[in-house]
Amino acid sequence: MLKFTEDHEWVRVEGDIATVGITEHATVQLGDLVFVELPEVGATFDKGGDAATVESVKAASDVYAPLAGAITEVNQAIVDEPAKVNQDPAGEGWLFKMKLDNTADADSLLDEAAYKALIGA
């Protein structure tokens, strides 16, 4: 089940690992991505920390860590081909995975209905 942040990240929690990406709504707002900067594996972030950057022809946008934890994996394929994020934001376009400090913190994230209400969908 996907959870969402008010900053337009999606989160899929499996055990104590969270896979993080940006929402389809965010990709539409940004337009075609031309550059993605991902965090280093092993880097740790507090909830809301600046974890990654995505850049489109329109603007650059920070991607925040939705929860506290350490980066365990990054999606190198989207660095090589940023358009994958636009094509499949909740699938092949994921950004990074992190080992959560506290899995219960995921309960504070938005569910799909709350996120749709936020974006007026």
N, C-alpha and C. Protein backbone atom coordinates (compact mmCIF):
# COMPACT_ATOMS: atom_id res chain seq x y z
N MET A 1 0.83 -1.18 0.00
CA MET A 1 0.00 0.00 0.00
C MET A 1 0.89 1.25 0.00
N LEU A 2 0.55 2.19 -0.84
CA LEU A 2 1.31 3.42 -0.91
C LEU A 2 0.82 4.43 0.12
N LYS A 3 1.76 5.18 0.68
CA LYS A 3 1.46 6.32 1.54
C LYS A 3 2.06 7.53 0.84
N PHE A 4 1.64 8.72 1.28
CA PHE A 4 2.05 9.94 0.58
C PHE A 4 2.42 11.03 1.58
N THR A 5 3.23 11.99 1.09
CA THR A 5 3.55 13.16 1.90
C THR A 5 2.89 14.38 1.26
N GLU A 6 2.80 15.45 2.02
CA GLU A 6 2.26 16.70 1.48
C GLU A 6 3.22 17.33 0.48
N ASP A 7 4.46 16.85 0.44
CA ASP A 7 5.46 17.34 -0.51
C ASP A 7 5.50 16.51 -1.79
N HIS A 8 4.50 15.66 -1.98
CA HIS A 8 4.31 14.89 -3.22
C HIS A 8 5.31 13.76 -3.41
N GLU A 9 5.74 13.15 -2.29
CA GLU A 9 6.49 11.91 -2.38
C GLU A 9 5.53 10.75 -2.07
N TRP A 10 5.79 9.60 -2.70
CA TRP A 10 5.07 8.39 -2.32
C TRP A 10 6.05 7.48 -1.58
N VAL A 11 5.49 6.64 -0.73
CA VAL A 11 6.31 5.74 0.10
C VAL A 11 5.64 4.37 0.12
N ARG A 12 6.42 3.33 -0.17
CA ARG A 12 5.94 1.96 -0.05
C ARG A 12 6.79 1.29 1.03
N VAL A 13 6.18 0.96 2.17
CA VAL A 13 6.91 0.36 3.29
C VAL A 13 6.74 -1.15 3.25
N GLU A 14 7.88 -1.85 3.23
CA GLU A 14 7.90 -3.31 3.28
C GLU A 14 8.87 -3.70 4.39
N GLY A 15 8.32 -4.16 5.53
CA GLY A 15 9.15 -4.42 6.70
C GLY A 15 9.69 -3.10 7.22
N ASP A 16 11.03 -3.00 7.31
CA ASP A 16 11.61 -1.73 7.77
C ASP A 16 12.28 -0.96 6.63
N ILE A 17 11.96 -1.35 5.38
CA ILE A 17 12.51 -0.67 4.21
C ILE A 17 11.40 0.11 3.52
N ALA A 18 11.68 1.38 3.25
CA ALA A 18 10.73 2.24 2.53
C ALA A 18 11.31 2.57 1.16
N THR A 19 10.52 2.32 0.12
CA THR A 19 10.89 2.75 -1.22
C THR A 19 10.21 4.10 -1.43
N VAL A 20 10.95 5.07 -1.97
CA VAL A 20 10.46 6.45 -2.08
C VAL A 20 10.56 6.93 -3.52
N GLY A 21 9.54 7.64 -3.95
CA GLY A 21 9.55 8.28 -5.26
C GLY A 21 8.70 9.53 -5.22
N ILE A 22 8.57 10.19 -6.36
CA ILE A 22 7.68 11.34 -6.43
C ILE A 22 6.40 10.92 -7.14
N THR A 23 5.32 11.59 -6.79
CA THR A 23 4.01 11.20 -7.30
C THR A 23 3.83 11.60 -8.76
N GLU A 24 2.85 10.98 -9.39
CA GLU A 24 2.51 11.33 -10.77
C GLU A 24 2.13 12.81 -10.84
N HIS A 25 1.38 13.29 -9.83
CA HIS A 25 1.01 14.71 -9.78
C HIS A 25 2.25 15.60 -9.84
N ALA A 26 3.28 15.23 -9.08
CA ALA A 26 4.52 16.01 -9.08
C ALA A 26 5.19 16.00 -10.45
N THR A 27 5.19 14.84 -11.12
CA THR A 27 5.84 14.77 -12.43
C THR A 27 5.09 15.63 -13.45
N VAL A 28 3.77 15.68 -13.33
CA VAL A 28 2.98 16.51 -14.24
C VAL A 28 3.29 17.99 -14.00
N GLN A 29 3.37 18.37 -12.72
CA GLN A 29 3.67 19.77 -12.38
C GLN A 29 5.06 20.17 -12.84
N LEU A 30 6.03 19.27 -12.69
CA LEU A 30 7.41 19.58 -13.06
C LEU A 30 7.65 19.55 -14.56
N GLY A 31 6.97 18.65 -15.26
CA GLY A 31 7.26 18.45 -16.67
C GLY A 31 8.35 17.40 -16.83
N ASP A 32 8.91 17.32 -18.02
CA ASP A 32 9.90 16.28 -18.32
C ASP A 32 11.18 16.49 -17.51
N LEU A 33 11.56 15.46 -16.76
CA LEU A 33 12.78 15.54 -15.97
C LEU A 33 14.00 15.39 -16.87
N VAL A 34 15.03 16.19 -16.57
CA VAL A 34 16.26 16.14 -17.34
C VAL A 34 17.47 15.78 -16.48
N PHE A 35 17.29 15.81 -15.15
CA PHE A 35 18.40 15.54 -14.24
C PHE A 35 17.84 15.05 -12.91
N VAL A 36 18.51 14.04 -12.34
CA VAL A 36 18.14 13.54 -11.01
C VAL A 36 19.43 13.39 -10.20
N GLU A 37 19.43 13.94 -9.00
CA GLU A 37 20.56 13.77 -8.08
C GLU A 37 20.05 12.99 -6.88
N LEU A 38 20.66 11.83 -6.63
CA LEU A 38 20.21 10.95 -5.56
C LEU A 38 21.18 11.00 -4.38
N PRO A 39 20.72 10.60 -3.20
CA PRO A 39 21.60 10.60 -2.03
C PRO A 39 22.61 9.47 -2.12
N GLU A 40 23.63 9.54 -1.29
CA GLU A 40 24.64 8.47 -1.21
C GLU A 40 24.08 7.32 -0.38
N VAL A 41 24.38 6.08 -0.79
CA VAL A 41 24.02 4.92 0.03
C VAL A 41 24.75 5.06 1.37
N GLY A 42 24.03 4.85 2.46
CA GLY A 42 24.60 4.99 3.79
C GLY A 42 24.30 6.33 4.44
N ALA A 43 23.90 7.32 3.64
CA ALA A 43 23.55 8.62 4.21
C ALA A 43 22.32 8.47 5.09
N THR A 44 22.27 9.24 6.16
CA THR A 44 21.10 9.20 7.05
C THR A 44 20.38 10.53 6.99
N PHE A 45 19.06 10.45 7.15
CA PHE A 45 18.23 11.64 7.08
C PHE A 45 17.19 11.63 8.18
N ASP A 46 16.90 12.81 8.69
CA ASP A 46 15.74 12.98 9.55
C ASP A 46 14.54 13.15 8.65
N LYS A 47 13.35 12.94 9.19
CA LYS A 47 12.13 13.18 8.42
C LYS A 47 12.15 14.63 7.93
N GLY A 48 11.90 14.81 6.64
CA GLY A 48 11.89 16.13 6.05
C GLY A 48 13.24 16.62 5.56
N GLY A 49 14.29 15.78 5.74
CA GLY A 49 15.62 16.17 5.28
C GLY A 49 15.69 16.18 3.76
N ASP A 50 16.54 17.04 3.24
CA ASP A 50 16.77 17.17 1.80
C ASP A 50 17.50 15.95 1.28
N ALA A 51 16.81 15.02 0.64
CA ALA A 51 17.45 13.75 0.26
C ALA A 51 17.88 13.69 -1.21
N ALA A 52 17.13 14.31 -2.10
CA ALA A 52 17.43 14.21 -3.53
C ALA A 52 16.95 15.47 -4.23
N THR A 53 17.34 15.61 -5.49
CA THR A 53 16.89 16.73 -6.31
C THR A 53 16.46 16.19 -7.66
N VAL A 54 15.34 16.69 -8.15
CA VAL A 54 14.91 16.39 -9.51
C VAL A 54 14.80 17.72 -10.25
N GLU A 55 15.24 17.71 -11.50
CA GLU A 55 15.26 18.94 -12.26
C GLU A 55 14.58 18.69 -13.61
N SER A 56 13.69 19.61 -13.97
CA SER A 56 13.01 19.53 -15.25
C SER A 56 13.39 20.75 -16.07
N VAL A 57 12.83 20.83 -17.27
CA VAL A 57 13.08 22.02 -18.08
C VAL A 57 12.45 23.24 -17.42
N LYS A 58 11.46 23.05 -16.55
CA LYS A 58 10.77 24.15 -15.88
C LYS A 58 11.43 24.58 -14.58
N ALA A 59 11.83 23.62 -13.75
CA ALA A 59 12.29 23.95 -12.40
C ALA A 59 13.06 22.81 -11.78
N ALA A 60 13.79 23.14 -10.73
CA ALA A 60 14.43 22.12 -9.89
C ALA A 60 13.61 22.01 -8.62
N SER A 61 13.52 20.79 -8.10
CA SER A 61 12.71 20.58 -6.90
C SER A 61 13.43 19.61 -5.98
N ASP A 62 13.40 19.92 -4.69
CA ASP A 62 13.98 19.01 -3.70
C ASP A 62 13.01 17.87 -3.42
N VAL A 63 13.57 16.72 -3.13
CA VAL A 63 12.80 15.57 -2.68
C VAL A 63 13.24 15.31 -1.25
N TYR A 64 12.27 15.27 -0.36
CA TYR A 64 12.56 15.16 1.06
C TYR A 64 12.43 13.72 1.54
N ALA A 65 13.21 13.39 2.55
CA ALA A 65 13.07 12.08 3.19
C ALA A 65 11.72 12.07 3.90
N PRO A 66 10.83 11.16 3.54
CA PRO A 66 9.50 11.16 4.15
C PRO A 66 9.51 10.67 5.60
N LEU A 67 10.56 9.95 5.96
CA LEU A 67 10.71 9.39 7.30
C LEU A 67 12.20 9.38 7.64
N ALA A 68 12.53 9.19 8.91
CA ALA A 68 13.92 9.14 9.32
C ALA A 68 14.51 7.76 9.01
N GLY A 69 15.75 7.76 8.54
CA GLY A 69 16.40 6.48 8.27
C GLY A 69 17.67 6.64 7.46
N ALA A 70 18.21 5.51 7.02
CA ALA A 70 19.46 5.47 6.25
C ALA A 70 19.20 4.93 4.85
N ILE A 71 19.84 5.53 3.87
CA ILE A 71 19.69 5.12 2.48
C ILE A 71 20.37 3.75 2.29
N THR A 72 19.61 2.80 1.74
CA THR A 72 20.16 1.48 1.49
C THR A 72 20.39 1.20 0.00
N GLU A 73 19.70 1.95 -0.85
CA GLU A 73 19.80 1.69 -2.30
C GLU A 73 19.30 2.92 -3.04
N VAL A 74 19.89 3.20 -4.20
CA VAL A 74 19.41 4.26 -5.07
C VAL A 74 19.15 3.67 -6.45
N ASN A 75 18.28 4.31 -7.19
CA ASN A 75 17.90 3.83 -8.52
C ASN A 75 18.79 4.50 -9.57
N GLN A 76 19.92 3.87 -9.85
CA GLN A 76 20.88 4.44 -10.81
C GLN A 76 20.26 4.59 -12.20
N ALA A 77 19.29 3.76 -12.54
CA ALA A 77 18.68 3.81 -13.87
C ALA A 77 18.05 5.17 -14.16
N ILE A 78 17.53 5.85 -13.12
CA ILE A 78 16.88 7.14 -13.37
C ILE A 78 17.90 8.28 -13.46
N VAL A 79 19.11 8.06 -12.94
CA VAL A 79 20.16 9.05 -13.13
C VAL A 79 20.57 9.02 -14.60
N ASP A 80 20.68 7.81 -15.14
CA ASP A 80 21.05 7.63 -16.54
C ASP A 80 19.92 8.04 -17.48
N GLU A 81 18.68 7.85 -17.05
CA GLU A 81 17.52 8.12 -17.90
C GLU A 81 16.39 8.74 -17.05
N PRO A 82 16.47 10.05 -16.75
CA PRO A 82 15.49 10.70 -15.88
C PRO A 82 14.04 10.57 -16.36
N ALA A 83 13.82 10.39 -17.65
CA ALA A 83 12.47 10.28 -18.18
C ALA A 83 11.71 9.09 -17.59
N LYS A 84 12.43 8.09 -17.06
CA LYS A 84 11.76 6.94 -16.43
C LYS A 84 10.85 7.39 -15.29
N VAL A 85 11.24 8.47 -14.60
CA VAL A 85 10.42 8.98 -13.50
C VAL A 85 9.09 9.48 -14.04
N ASN A 86 9.12 10.19 -15.18
CA ASN A 86 7.89 10.67 -15.79
C ASN A 86 7.04 9.51 -16.32
N GLN A 87 7.69 8.52 -16.90
CA GLN A 87 6.98 7.41 -17.53
C GLN A 87 6.31 6.49 -16.52
N ASP A 88 6.94 6.25 -15.38
CA ASP A 88 6.43 5.28 -14.40
C ASP A 88 6.83 5.71 -12.99
N PRO A 89 6.25 6.85 -12.50
CA PRO A 89 6.72 7.42 -11.24
C PRO A 89 6.58 6.49 -10.03
N ALA A 90 5.56 5.65 -9.99
CA ALA A 90 5.37 4.77 -8.84
C ALA A 90 5.88 3.35 -9.10
N GLY A 91 6.62 3.18 -10.19
CA GLY A 91 7.17 1.87 -10.53
C GLY A 91 8.66 1.99 -10.76
N GLU A 92 9.08 1.88 -12.03
CA GLU A 92 10.50 1.93 -12.38
C GLU A 92 11.15 3.27 -12.05
N GLY A 93 10.33 4.30 -11.81
CA GLY A 93 10.85 5.63 -11.53
C GLY A 93 11.10 5.92 -10.06
N TRP A 94 11.15 4.88 -9.22
CA TRP A 94 11.45 5.12 -7.79
C TRP A 94 12.82 5.77 -7.66
N LEU A 95 13.02 6.50 -6.55
CA LEU A 95 14.27 7.24 -6.37
C LEU A 95 15.25 6.52 -5.46
N PHE A 96 14.81 6.18 -4.24
CA PHE A 96 15.73 5.55 -3.29
C PHE A 96 14.97 4.69 -2.30
N LYS A 97 15.72 3.82 -1.62
CA LYS A 97 15.17 3.00 -0.55
C LYS A 97 15.91 3.34 0.73
N MET A 98 15.18 3.30 1.82
CA MET A 98 15.80 3.62 3.10
C MET A 98 15.33 2.67 4.19
N LYS A 99 16.26 2.34 5.09
CA LYS A 99 15.94 1.54 6.27
C LYS A 99 15.43 2.51 7.32
N LEU A 100 14.19 2.30 7.74
CA LEU A 100 13.54 3.24 8.64
C LEU A 100 14.03 3.10 10.08
N ASP A 101 14.19 4.23 10.75
CA ASP A 101 14.51 4.22 12.17
C ASP A 101 13.34 3.68 12.97
N ASN A 102 12.12 4.02 12.56
CA ASN A 102 10.91 3.61 13.28
C ASN A 102 9.78 3.41 12.28
N THR A 103 9.43 2.16 12.01
CA THR A 103 8.39 1.88 11.00
C THR A 103 7.03 2.45 11.39
N ALA A 104 6.76 2.62 12.68
CA ALA A 104 5.47 3.17 13.11
C ALA A 104 5.29 4.61 12.63
N ASP A 105 6.39 5.30 12.32
CA ASP A 105 6.28 6.68 11.83
C ASP A 105 5.52 6.75 10.50
N ALA A 106 5.50 5.66 9.75
CA ALA A 106 4.79 5.64 8.47
C ALA A 106 3.29 5.87 8.66
N ASP A 107 2.79 5.59 9.85
CA ASP A 107 1.36 5.81 10.12
C ASP A 107 0.98 7.28 10.03
N SER A 108 1.97 8.18 10.15
CA SER A 108 1.68 9.61 10.11
C SER A 108 1.55 10.13 8.67
N LEU A 109 1.88 9.31 7.68
CA LEU A 109 1.79 9.73 6.28
C LEU A 109 0.36 9.67 5.79
N LEU A 110 0.09 10.34 4.69
CA LEU A 110 -1.26 10.39 4.11
C LEU A 110 -1.59 9.08 3.40
N ASP A 111 -2.85 8.66 3.47
CA ASP A 111 -3.28 7.54 2.64
C ASP A 111 -3.70 8.12 1.28
N GLU A 112 -4.07 7.24 0.35
CA GLU A 112 -4.36 7.70 -1.01
C GLU A 112 -5.53 8.69 -1.04
N ALA A 113 -6.57 8.43 -0.27
CA ALA A 113 -7.74 9.33 -0.25
C ALA A 113 -7.35 10.71 0.25
N ALA A 114 -6.55 10.77 1.31
CA ALA A 114 -6.13 12.05 1.86
C ALA A 114 -5.23 12.80 0.86
N TYR A 115 -4.36 12.05 0.16
CA TYR A 115 -3.50 12.70 -0.81
C TYR A 115 -4.33 13.24 -1.99
N LYS A 116 -5.28 12.47 -2.45
CA LYS A 116 -6.13 12.94 -3.56
C LYS A 116 -6.89 14.19 -3.14
N ALA A 117 -7.35 14.24 -1.90
CA ALA A 117 -8.03 15.43 -1.40
C ALA A 117 -7.08 16.63 -1.39
N LEU A 118 -5.83 16.39 -1.02
CA LEU A 118 -4.82 17.44 -0.97
C LEU A 118 -4.60 18.06 -2.34
N ILE A 119 -4.53 17.22 -3.37
CA ILE A 119 -4.24 17.75 -4.73
C ILE A 119 -5.52 18.07 -5.51
N GLY A 120 -6.66 17.86 -4.89
CA GLY A 120 -7.92 18.20 -5.53
C GLY A 120 -8.31 17.24 -6.64
N ALA A 121 -7.90 15.98 -6.50
CA ALA A 121 -8.23 14.98 -7.53
C ALA A 121 -9.54 14.28 -7.22
